[in-house]
Protein backbone atom coordinates (compact mmCIF):
# COMPACT_ATOMS: atom_id res chain seq x y z
CA MET A 1 -2.64 -6.87 -7.97
CA THR A 2 -3.06 -3.46 -6.16
CA GLN A 3 -0.92 -0.59 -6.34
CA LEU A 4 1.07 -2.07 -3.25
CA GLY A 5 1.53 -4.85 -4.10
CA LEU A 6 2.78 -3.72 -7.91
CA TYR A 7 4.84 -1.77 -5.17
CA PHE A 8 5.96 -4.62 -3.55
CA ALA A 9 7.01 -6.41 -6.57
CA LYS A 10 9.02 -3.17 -8.27
CA LYS A 11 11.06 -2.79 -5.33
CA SER A 12 11.60 -6.82 -4.11
CA ILE A 13 10.12 -6.27 -0.96
CA ASN A 14 9.60 -9.73 0.85
CA ARG A 15 6.57 -9.66 2.80
CA SER A 16 7.32 -11.83 5.45
CA ASP A 17 9.72 -9.22 6.54
CA VAL A 18 7.19 -6.47 6.65
CA SER A 19 5.08 -8.88 8.67
CA ARG A 20 7.75 -8.97 11.03
CA LYS A 21 8.56 -5.60 11.16
CA THR A 22 5.00 -4.21 11.34
CA GLY A 23 3.18 -7.18 13.28
CA ILE A 24 0.70 -7.21 10.24
CA SER A 25 -0.02 -10.42 9.03
CA LYS A 26 1.27 -12.31 6.16
CA THR A 27 -2.32 -12.84 5.32
CA ARG A 28 -3.45 -9.57 5.89
CA LEU A 29 -0.20 -8.39 3.81
CA SER A 30 -1.40 -10.75 0.91
CA GLU A 31 -4.87 -9.19 0.52
CA LEU A 32 -3.62 -5.60 0.60
CA ALA A 33 -1.10 -6.93 -2.55
CA ASN A 34 -4.23 -8.71 -4.21
CA ASN A 35 -7.27 -7.89 -3.98
CA LEU A 36 -8.62 -4.90 -4.88
CA ASN A 37 -11.10 -4.79 -2.70
CA THR A 38 -9.08 -4.68 0.43
CA GLN A 39 -8.94 -1.52 1.84
CA LEU A 40 -5.33 -0.41 3.35
CA LYS A 41 -5.62 1.57 6.68
CA VAL A 42 -3.54 4.56 7.29
CA LYS A 43 -1.98 2.69 10.41
CA GLU A 44 -1.05 0.18 8.13
CA LEU A 45 0.57 2.29 5.56
CA TYR A 46 2.33 4.14 8.17
CA LEU A 47 3.78 1.00 9.62
CA ILE A 48 4.80 -0.78 5.60
CA SER A 49 6.29 2.52 5.20
CA LEU A 50 8.59 2.67 8.43
CA ALA A 51 9.61 -1.36 7.54
CA VAL A 52 10.71 -0.52 4.07
CA ASP A 53 12.32 2.83 4.84
CA GLU A 54 9.94 4.48 2.08
CA ASP A 55 8.98 8.28 3.07
CA PRO A 56 4.90 7.67 4.11
CA GLY A 57 4.02 10.47 2.00
CA GLU A 58 5.87 9.04 -0.92
CA LEU A 59 4.57 5.89 -0.09
CA LEU A 60 1.11 6.84 -0.17
CA LYS A 61 1.19 8.69 -3.54
CA GLU A 62 2.01 5.34 -5.19
CA VAL A 63 -0.19 3.61 -3.37
CA CYS A 64 -3.09 6.22 -4.28
CA LYS A 65 -1.74 7.39 -7.70
CA ASP A 66 -4.51 6.37 -9.90
CA LEU A 67 -7.51 8.38 -7.48
CA LYS A 68 -8.28 11.43 -9.43
CA LEU A 69 -11.50 13.60 -8.25
CA PRO A 70 -14.40 13.55 -10.22
CA ILE A 71 -15.06 16.07 -12.90
CA GLU A 72 -17.19 19.04 -11.81
CA LYS A 73 -19.65 19.67 -14.24
CA ALA A 74 -20.73 22.78 -15.68
CA TYR A 75 -24.33 24.67 -15.52
């Protein structure tokens, strides 16, 4: 499950409602929630944040919380 999928589960978000409000298909939302190789588009993240009444920046932080900059090597 992806971070977005975990967010949906934690907040008990109904994907059918999100699909209806955003125009993003239920199939696409399932892919975004379950497939780690599926890339979330900024437009999708923004529409989802509007549909679930969440600040887009907060949703971005939640979805991307595992991303870190690579450690630079000192020479």
